[in-house]
Amino acid sequence: MAYVITQPCVDVKDKSCVDVCPVSCIYLEGDDVDRKLYIHPDECIDCGACEPECPVSAIFEQSAVPPEWQEFTELDRRWNTGDAAERQAVRARIDEIQPPAG
C-alpha cells in the first residue's frame, strides 16, 4: 500500500514531507505548473514518515483515504505513470475538483 496526497495539499505544497521521505518518492513538476505534490505509488516504501509532517493532514495510507478524497489515489497514480498529456489531464481534473483562486 502506498501513501496518497489528497485535496488539502492543493495550493499549499508545504514540501516538509519531501524532506523526510527516505526514498524521494514525492514529486512536484514545478511550483508554477502543479498545484499539489504527488507520491509515486511504485516507489513508496510505506514507511509513513511523510504523514505526520504534513501541516494540512493531506497524506494518508491508501487504505485510509477518506471517501471524499478517494479519487486522489488514482490521480497520483496517473500523474506518476503517465506522459505529459496524462499529467495535463490530471492537472485539469484537480482544477475541476478545486478551481484555482482568482
Protein backbone atom coordinates (compact mmCIF):
# COMPACT_ATOMS: atom_id res chain seq x y z
CA MET A 1 0.00 0.00 0.00
CA ALA A 2 1.34 3.40 -0.91
CA TYR A 3 0.59 6.73 0.69
CA VAL A 4 -1.54 9.29 -1.16
CA ILE A 5 -1.58 13.08 -1.08
CA THR A 6 -5.13 14.40 -1.15
CA GLN A 7 -7.06 17.64 -1.70
CA PRO A 8 -5.87 19.64 1.34
CA CYS A 9 -2.42 19.84 -0.33
CA VAL A 10 -3.81 21.71 -3.33
CA ASP A 11 -2.23 25.17 -3.42
CA VAL A 12 -0.34 24.51 -0.16
CA LYS A 13 2.60 22.33 -1.32
CA ASP A 14 4.45 22.66 2.00
CA LYS A 15 7.20 20.16 0.99
CA SER A 16 8.11 19.16 4.56
CA CYS A 17 7.02 15.66 3.51
CA VAL A 18 9.66 15.71 0.76
CA ASP A 19 12.38 16.46 3.30
CA VAL A 20 11.62 13.36 5.39
CA CYS A 21 10.97 10.85 2.60
CA PRO A 22 13.83 8.32 2.68
CA VAL A 23 13.31 7.22 -0.93
CA SER A 24 12.44 10.57 -2.58
CA CYS A 25 9.14 9.34 -3.99
CA ILE A 26 7.25 12.64 -3.60
CA TYR A 27 7.20 14.78 -6.72
CA LEU A 28 6.25 18.21 -7.99
CA GLU A 29 6.99 19.15 -11.58
CA GLY A 30 7.19 22.82 -10.70
CA ASP A 31 5.58 25.33 -8.39
CA ASP A 32 4.24 27.18 -11.41
CA VAL A 33 2.84 24.01 -13.01
CA ASP A 34 1.42 21.71 -10.34
CA ARG A 35 -0.96 22.67 -7.56
CA LYS A 36 -0.16 19.69 -5.32
CA LEU A 37 2.55 17.17 -4.57
CA TYR A 38 2.32 13.57 -5.80
CA ILE A 39 3.58 10.31 -4.26
CA HIS A 40 4.76 7.70 -6.76
CA PRO A 41 2.88 4.53 -5.74
CA ASP A 42 5.56 2.15 -7.07
CA GLU A 43 8.41 3.95 -5.31
CA CYS A 44 6.73 4.50 -1.93
CA ILE A 45 8.01 2.04 0.69
CA ASP A 46 5.07 2.65 3.03
CA CYS A 47 7.24 3.96 5.84
CA GLY A 48 4.73 6.66 6.77
CA ALA A 49 7.39 9.28 7.54
CA CYS A 50 5.60 11.84 5.37
CA GLU A 51 2.18 11.61 7.02
CA PRO A 52 2.89 13.36 10.35
CA GLU A 53 4.96 16.05 8.60
CA CYS A 54 2.05 17.35 6.53
CA PRO A 55 0.75 20.58 8.14
CA VAL A 56 -2.67 20.21 6.45
CA SER A 57 -3.20 16.46 7.06
CA ALA A 58 -3.37 15.70 3.35
CA ILE A 59 -1.37 12.44 3.40
CA PHE A 60 -3.00 9.06 4.07
CA GLU A 61 -2.14 5.41 3.69
CA GLN A 62 -4.04 4.31 0.59
CA SER A 63 -6.47 2.15 2.58
CA ALA A 64 -7.26 5.07 4.91
CA VAL A 65 -8.02 7.79 2.34
CA PRO A 66 -11.36 9.36 3.32
CA PRO A 67 -14.19 8.59 0.88
CA GLU A 68 -14.43 12.18 -0.36
CA TRP A 69 -10.78 12.06 -1.48
CA GLN A 70 -10.59 8.52 -2.90
CA GLU A 71 -10.10 9.87 -6.42
CA PHE A 72 -6.70 11.26 -5.41
CA THR A 73 -5.31 7.71 -5.24
CA GLU A 74 -5.94 7.34 -8.96
CA LEU A 75 -4.81 10.90 -9.72
CA ASP A 76 -1.44 10.28 -8.02
CA ARG A 77 -1.02 7.05 -9.98
CA ARG A 78 -1.95 8.67 -13.29
CA TRP A 79 0.35 11.67 -12.71
CA ASN A 80 3.31 9.44 -11.88
CA THR A 81 2.88 6.81 -14.58
CA GLY A 82 1.54 8.94 -17.41
CA ASP A 83 3.11 11.01 -20.13
CA ALA A 84 2.88 14.79 -20.45
CA ALA A 85 -0.68 14.61 -21.81
CA GLU A 86 -1.78 12.42 -18.90
CA ARG A 87 -0.21 14.82 -16.39
CA GLN A 88 -2.08 17.67 -18.03
CA ALA A 89 -5.33 15.69 -17.74
CA VAL A 90 -4.66 15.19 -14.02
CA ARG A 91 -3.99 18.91 -13.61
CA ALA A 92 -7.28 19.69 -15.36
CA ARG A 93 -9.14 17.32 -13.04
CA ILE A 94 -7.52 18.97 -9.99
CA ASP A 95 -8.78 22.31 -11.33
CA GLU A 96 -12.30 20.85 -11.64
CA ILE A 97 -12.21 19.48 -8.10
CA GLN A 98 -10.87 22.71 -6.64
CA PRO A 99 -10.99 25.66 -9.04
CA PRO A 100 -7.95 27.94 -8.85
CA ALA A 101 -8.35 31.07 -6.77
CA GLY A 102 -8.50 34.35 -8.55
